[in-house]
Each structure stands twice: as C-alpha cells, then as structure tokens.
Amino acid sequence: MLLSGKLRKFVSVVENQSIKKASEKMNLTSSAISQGVSSLEKELGIKLIKKTIME
C-alpha cells in the first residue's frame, strides 16, 4: 500500500523534527521525504507540517 510508505516518511519527519534528519535515518534523499509528505498531504486534503527554511 502506497500510503504506508508516505505515512512512514511523515512519522519520521515528526519524530526527527527535520526533513534532513528523517532522510538520513531512512537513507533517502530530502527530496524523496518532502515529496512523500506532500503527496500524503494532497491525498488527505490537509496540511500536515509547516515547512520553514533554516539559515
């Protein structure tokens, strides 16, 4: 089921409080994590995380 992979990516972002840290833990690119979360948001019709740019 595709949702489970997207959900795992989202949970990892929440647990690690960072897309970058989640990508490192899951051995995926930050882009793959971000795309998975965005796809889940579209599928559910809600915004799940607020993305911010760190300087």
PDB file of N, CA and C in Angstrom:
ATOM      1  N   MET A   1       0.834  -1.180   0.000  1.00  0.00           N
ATOM      2  CA  MET A   1       0.000   0.000   0.000  1.00  0.00           C
ATOM      3  C   MET A   1       0.880   1.245   0.000  1.00  0.00           C
ATOM      4  N   LEU A   2       0.635   2.166  -0.911  1.00  0.00           N
ATOM      5  CA  LEU A   2       1.452   3.362  -1.036  1.00  0.00           C
ATOM      6  C   LEU A   2       1.363   4.268   0.175  1.00  0.00           C
ATOM      7  N   LEU A   3       0.211   4.316   0.791  1.00  0.00           N
ATOM      8  CA  LEU A   3       0.014   5.198   1.937  1.00  0.00           C
ATOM      9  C   LEU A   3       0.978   4.872   3.068  1.00  0.00           C
ATOM     10  N   SER A   4       1.281   3.604   3.267  1.00  0.00           N
ATOM     11  CA  SER A   4       2.152   3.241   4.386  1.00  0.00           C
ATOM     12  C   SER A   4       3.549   3.842   4.243  1.00  0.00           C
ATOM     13  N   GLY A   5       4.094   3.882   3.037  1.00  0.00           N
ATOM     14  CA  GLY A   5       5.406   4.488   2.824  1.00  0.00           C
ATOM     15  C   GLY A   5       5.375   5.986   3.069  1.00  0.00           C
ATOM     16  N   LYS A   6       4.320   6.628   2.600  1.00  0.00           N
ATOM     17  CA  LYS A   6       4.161   8.067   2.807  1.00  0.00           C
ATOM     18  C   LYS A   6       3.991   8.366   4.291  1.00  0.00           C
ATOM     19  N   LEU A   7       3.220   7.535   4.953  1.00  0.00           N
ATOM     20  CA  LEU A   7       2.979   7.732   6.383  1.00  0.00           C
ATOM     21  C   LEU A   7       4.262   7.534   7.182  1.00  0.00           C
ATOM     22  N   ARG A   8       5.066   6.551   6.810  1.00  0.00           N
ATOM     23  CA  ARG A   8       6.349   6.334   7.490  1.00  0.00           C
ATOM     24  C   ARG A   8       7.261   7.542   7.339  1.00  0.00           C
ATOM     25  N   LYS A   9       7.270   8.133   6.145  1.00  0.00           N
ATOM     26  CA  LYS A   9       8.091   9.328   5.924  1.00  0.00           C
ATOM     27  C   LYS A   9       7.606  10.471   6.807  1.00  0.00           C
ATOM     28  N   PHE A  10       6.298  10.664   6.864  1.00  0.00           N
ATOM     29  CA  PHE A  10       5.734  11.724   7.702  1.00  0.00           C
ATOM     30  C   PHE A  10       6.083  11.503   9.174  1.00  0.00           C
ATOM     31  N   VAL A  11       5.900  10.292   9.655  1.00  0.00           N
ATOM     32  CA  VAL A  11       6.199   9.976  11.059  1.00  0.00           C
ATOM     33  C   VAL A  11       7.677  10.226  11.353  1.00  0.00           C
ATOM     34  N   SER A  12       8.547   9.861  10.425  1.00  0.00           N
ATOM     35  CA  SER A  12       9.976  10.084  10.621  1.00  0.00           C
ATOM     36  C   SER A  12      10.297  11.576  10.708  1.00  0.00           C
ATOM     37  N   VAL A  13       9.646  12.388   9.880  1.00  0.00           N
ATOM     38  CA  VAL A  13       9.854  13.844   9.945  1.00  0.00           C
ATOM     39  C   VAL A  13       9.419  14.375  11.304  1.00  0.00           C
ATOM     40  N   VAL A  14       8.277  13.926  11.783  1.00  0.00           N
ATOM     41  CA  VAL A  14       7.772  14.380  13.084  1.00  0.00           C
ATOM     42  C   VAL A  14       8.713  13.932  14.201  1.00  0.00           C
ATOM     43  N   GLU A  15       9.114  12.674  14.182  1.00  0.00           N
ATOM     44  CA  GLU A  15       9.994  12.150  15.233  1.00  0.00           C
ATOM     45  C   GLU A  15      11.344  12.855  15.248  1.00  0.00           C
ATOM     46  N   ASN A  16      11.872  13.150  14.065  1.00  0.00           N
ATOM     47  CA  ASN A  16      13.193  13.772  13.966  1.00  0.00           C
ATOM     48  C   ASN A  16      13.138  15.296  13.909  1.00  0.00           C
ATOM     49  N   GLN A  17      11.935  15.841  13.801  1.00  0.00           N
ATOM     50  CA  GLN A  17      11.704  17.285  13.741  1.00  0.00           C
ATOM     51  C   GLN A  17      12.477  17.953  12.610  1.00  0.00           C
ATOM     52  N   SER A  18      12.724  17.176  11.538  1.00  0.00           N
ATOM     53  CA  SER A  18      13.501  17.704  10.421  1.00  0.00           C
ATOM     54  C   SER A  18      13.401  16.757   9.229  1.00  0.00           C
ATOM     55  N   ILE A  19      13.209  17.334   8.049  1.00  0.00           N
ATOM     56  CA  ILE A  19      13.209  16.515   6.834  1.00  0.00           C
ATOM     57  C   ILE A  19      14.608  15.962   6.597  1.00  0.00           C
ATOM     58  N   LYS A  20      15.623  16.789   6.818  1.00  0.00           N
ATOM     59  CA  LYS A  20      17.007  16.348   6.605  1.00  0.00           C
ATOM     60  C   LYS A  20      17.366  15.176   7.524  1.00  0.00           C
ATOM     61  N   LYS A  21      17.033  15.295   8.800  1.00  0.00           N
ATOM     62  CA  LYS A  21      17.338  14.215   9.745  1.00  0.00           C
ATOM     63  C   LYS A  21      16.548  12.960   9.412  1.00  0.00           C
ATOM     64  N   ALA A  22      15.294  13.132   8.998  1.00  0.00           N
ATOM     65  CA  ALA A  22      14.468  11.983   8.613  1.00  0.00           C
ATOM     66  C   ALA A  22      15.075  11.284   7.406  1.00  0.00           C
ATOM     67  N   SER A  23      15.565  12.067   6.454  1.00  0.00           N
ATOM     68  CA  SER A  23      16.162  11.473   5.255  1.00  0.00           C
ATOM     69  C   SER A  23      17.424  10.688   5.600  1.00  0.00           C
ATOM     70  N   GLU A  24      18.207  11.198   6.527  1.00  0.00           N
ATOM     71  CA  GLU A  24      19.413  10.489   6.955  1.00  0.00           C
ATOM     72  C   GLU A  24      19.055   9.177   7.650  1.00  0.00           C
ATOM     73  N   LYS A  25      18.051   9.200   8.512  1.00  0.00           N
ATOM     74  CA  LYS A  25      17.628   7.995   9.238  1.00  0.00           C
ATOM     75  C   LYS A  25      17.055   6.937   8.296  1.00  0.00           C
ATOM     76  N   MET A  26      16.334   7.395   7.249  1.00  0.00           N
ATOM     77  CA  MET A  26      15.670   6.466   6.339  1.00  0.00           C
ATOM     78  C   MET A  26      16.519   6.134   5.109  1.00  0.00           C
ATOM     79  N   ASN A  27      17.728   6.717   5.041  1.00  0.00           N
ATOM     80  CA  ASN A  27      18.614   6.523   3.895  1.00  0.00           C
ATOM     81  C   ASN A  27      17.936   6.890   2.582  1.00  0.00           C
ATOM     82  N   LEU A  28      17.255   8.027   2.589  1.00  0.00           N
ATOM     83  CA  LEU A  28      16.593   8.571   1.412  1.00  0.00           C
ATOM     84  C   LEU A  28      17.042  10.016   1.239  1.00  0.00           C
ATOM     85  N   THR A  29      16.779  10.582   0.071  1.00  0.00           N
ATOM     86  CA  THR A  29      17.099  11.993  -0.125  1.00  0.00           C
ATOM     87  C   THR A  29      16.054  12.856   0.571  1.00  0.00           C
ATOM     88  N   SER A  30      16.444  14.075   0.887  1.00  0.00           N
ATOM     89  CA  SER A  30      15.494  15.022   1.476  1.00  0.00           C
ATOM     90  C   SER A  30      14.326  15.255   0.527  1.00  0.00           C
ATOM     91  N   SER A  31      14.623  15.267  -0.764  1.00  0.00           N
ATOM     92  CA  SER A  31      13.586  15.463  -1.774  1.00  0.00           C
ATOM     93  C   SER A  31      12.560  14.331  -1.740  1.00  0.00           C
ATOM     94  N   ALA A  32      13.017  13.097  -1.577  1.00  0.00           N
ATOM     95  CA  ALA A  32      12.104  11.949  -1.514  1.00  0.00           C
ATOM     96  C   ALA A  32      11.191  12.045  -0.294  1.00  0.00           C
ATOM     97  N   ILE A  33      11.751  12.479   0.827  1.00  0.00           N
ATOM     98  CA  ILE A  33      10.949  12.640   2.043  1.00  0.00           C
ATOM     99  C   ILE A  33       9.912  13.739   1.836  1.00  0.00           C
ATOM    100  N   SER A  34      10.354  14.875   1.324  1.00  0.00           N
ATOM    101  CA  SER A  34       9.468  16.009   1.100  1.00  0.00           C
ATOM    102  C   SER A  34       8.349  15.662   0.121  1.00  0.00           C
ATOM    103  N   GLN A  35       8.679  14.966  -0.949  1.00  0.00           N
ATOM    104  CA  GLN A  35       7.673  14.572  -1.934  1.00  0.00           C
ATOM    105  C   GLN A  35       6.669  13.599  -1.333  1.00  0.00           C
ATOM    106  N   GLY A  36       7.147  12.685  -0.499  1.00  0.00           N
ATOM    107  CA  GLY A  36       6.247  11.736   0.153  1.00  0.00           C
ATOM    108  C   GLY A  36       5.269  12.424   1.084  1.00  0.00           C
ATOM    109  N   VAL A  37       5.773  13.378   1.856  1.00  0.00           N
ATOM    110  CA  VAL A  37       4.908  14.120   2.783  1.00  0.00           C
ATOM    111  C   VAL A  37       3.916  14.975   2.002  1.00  0.00           C
ATOM    112  N   SER A  38       4.390  15.642   0.958  1.00  0.00           N
ATOM    113  CA  SER A  38       3.499  16.471   0.133  1.00  0.00           C
ATOM    114  C   SER A  38       2.411  15.632  -0.516  1.00  0.00           C
ATOM    115  N   SER A  39       2.775  14.459  -0.984  1.00  0.00           N
ATOM    116  CA  SER A  39       1.802  13.558  -1.602  1.00  0.00           C
ATOM    117  C   SER A  39       0.757  13.100  -0.588  1.00  0.00           C
ATOM    118  N   LEU A  40       1.199  12.811   0.625  1.00  0.00           N
ATOM    119  CA  LEU A  40       0.273  12.411   1.689  1.00  0.00           C
ATOM    120  C   LEU A  40      -0.673  13.560   2.022  1.00  0.00           C
ATOM    121  N   GLU A  41      -0.135  14.773   2.090  1.00  0.00           N
ATOM    122  CA  GLU A  41      -0.966  15.946   2.366  1.00  0.00           C
ATOM    123  C   GLU A  41      -2.050  16.106   1.301  1.00  0.00           C
ATOM    124  N   LYS A  42      -1.675  15.942   0.040  1.00  0.00           N
ATOM    125  CA  LYS A  42      -2.648  16.053  -1.051  1.00  0.00           C
ATOM    126  C   LYS A  42      -3.690  14.947  -0.969  1.00  0.00           C
ATOM    127  N   GLU A  43      -3.236  13.736  -0.663  1.00  0.00           N
ATOM    128  CA  GLU A  43      -4.142  12.592  -0.567  1.00  0.00           C
ATOM    129  C   GLU A  43      -5.169  12.776   0.548  1.00  0.00           C
ATOM    130  N   LEU A  44      -4.727  13.338   1.669  1.00  0.00           N
ATOM    131  CA  LEU A  44      -5.611  13.534   2.818  1.00  0.00           C
ATOM    132  C   LEU A  44      -6.375  14.858   2.756  1.00  0.00           C
ATOM    133  N   GLY A  45      -5.887  15.776   1.935  1.00  0.00           N
ATOM    134  CA  GLY A  45      -6.542  17.070   1.795  1.00  0.00           C
ATOM    135  C   GLY A  45      -6.300  18.024   2.943  1.00  0.00           C
ATOM    136  N   ILE A  46      -5.186  17.814   3.668  1.00  0.00           N
ATOM    137  CA  ILE A  46      -4.837  18.700   4.784  1.00  0.00           C
ATOM    138  C   ILE A  46      -3.331  18.947   4.801  1.00  0.00           C
ATOM    139  N   LYS A  47      -2.926  20.052   5.411  1.00  0.00           N
ATOM    140  CA  LYS A  47      -1.518  20.365   5.593  1.00  0.00           C
ATOM    141  C   LYS A  47      -1.058  19.692   6.876  1.00  0.00           C
ATOM    142  N   LEU A  48      -0.024  18.876   6.793  1.00  0.00           N
ATOM    143  CA  LEU A  48       0.443  18.126   7.963  1.00  0.00           C
ATOM    144  C   LEU A  48       1.613  18.795   8.676  1.00  0.00           C
ATOM    145  N   ILE A  49       2.493  19.426   7.917  1.00  0.00           N
ATOM    146  CA  ILE A  49       3.642  20.082   8.544  1.00  0.00           C
ATOM    147  C   ILE A  49       3.837  21.470   7.949  1.00  0.00           C
ATOM    148  N   LYS A  50       4.408  22.340   8.749  1.00  0.00           N
ATOM    149  CA  LYS A  50       4.761  23.677   8.284  1.00  0.00           C
ATOM    150  C   LYS A  50       6.240  23.634   7.937  1.00  0.00           C
ATOM    151  N   LYS A  51       6.541  23.878   6.686  1.00  0.00           N
ATOM    152  CA  LYS A  51       7.930  23.845   6.239  1.00  0.00           C
ATOM    153  C   LYS A  51       8.548  25.221   6.422  1.00  0.00           C
ATOM    154  N   THR A  52       9.716  25.254   7.039  1.00  0.00           N
ATOM    155  CA  THR A  52      10.439  26.506   7.249  1.00  0.00           C
ATOM    156  C   THR A  52      11.844  26.363   6.696  1.00  0.00           C
ATOM    157  N   ILE A  53      12.441  27.478   6.360  1.00  0.00           N
ATOM    158  CA  ILE A  53      13.811  27.481   5.858  1.00  0.00           C
ATOM    159  C   ILE A  53      14.721  27.902   6.999  1.00  0.00           C
ATOM    160  N   MET A  54      15.709  27.070   7.280  1.00  0.00           N
ATOM    161  CA  MET A  54      16.669  27.376   8.342  1.00  0.00           C
ATOM    162  C   MET A  54      17.876  28.068   7.720  1.00  0.00           C
ATOM    163  N   GLU A  55      18.355  29.116   8.361  1.00  0.00           N
ATOM    164  CA  GLU A  55      19.543  29.820   7.875  1.00  0.00           C
ATOM    165  C   GLU A  55      20.727  29.504   8.733  1.00  0.00           C
TER     166      GLU A  55
END
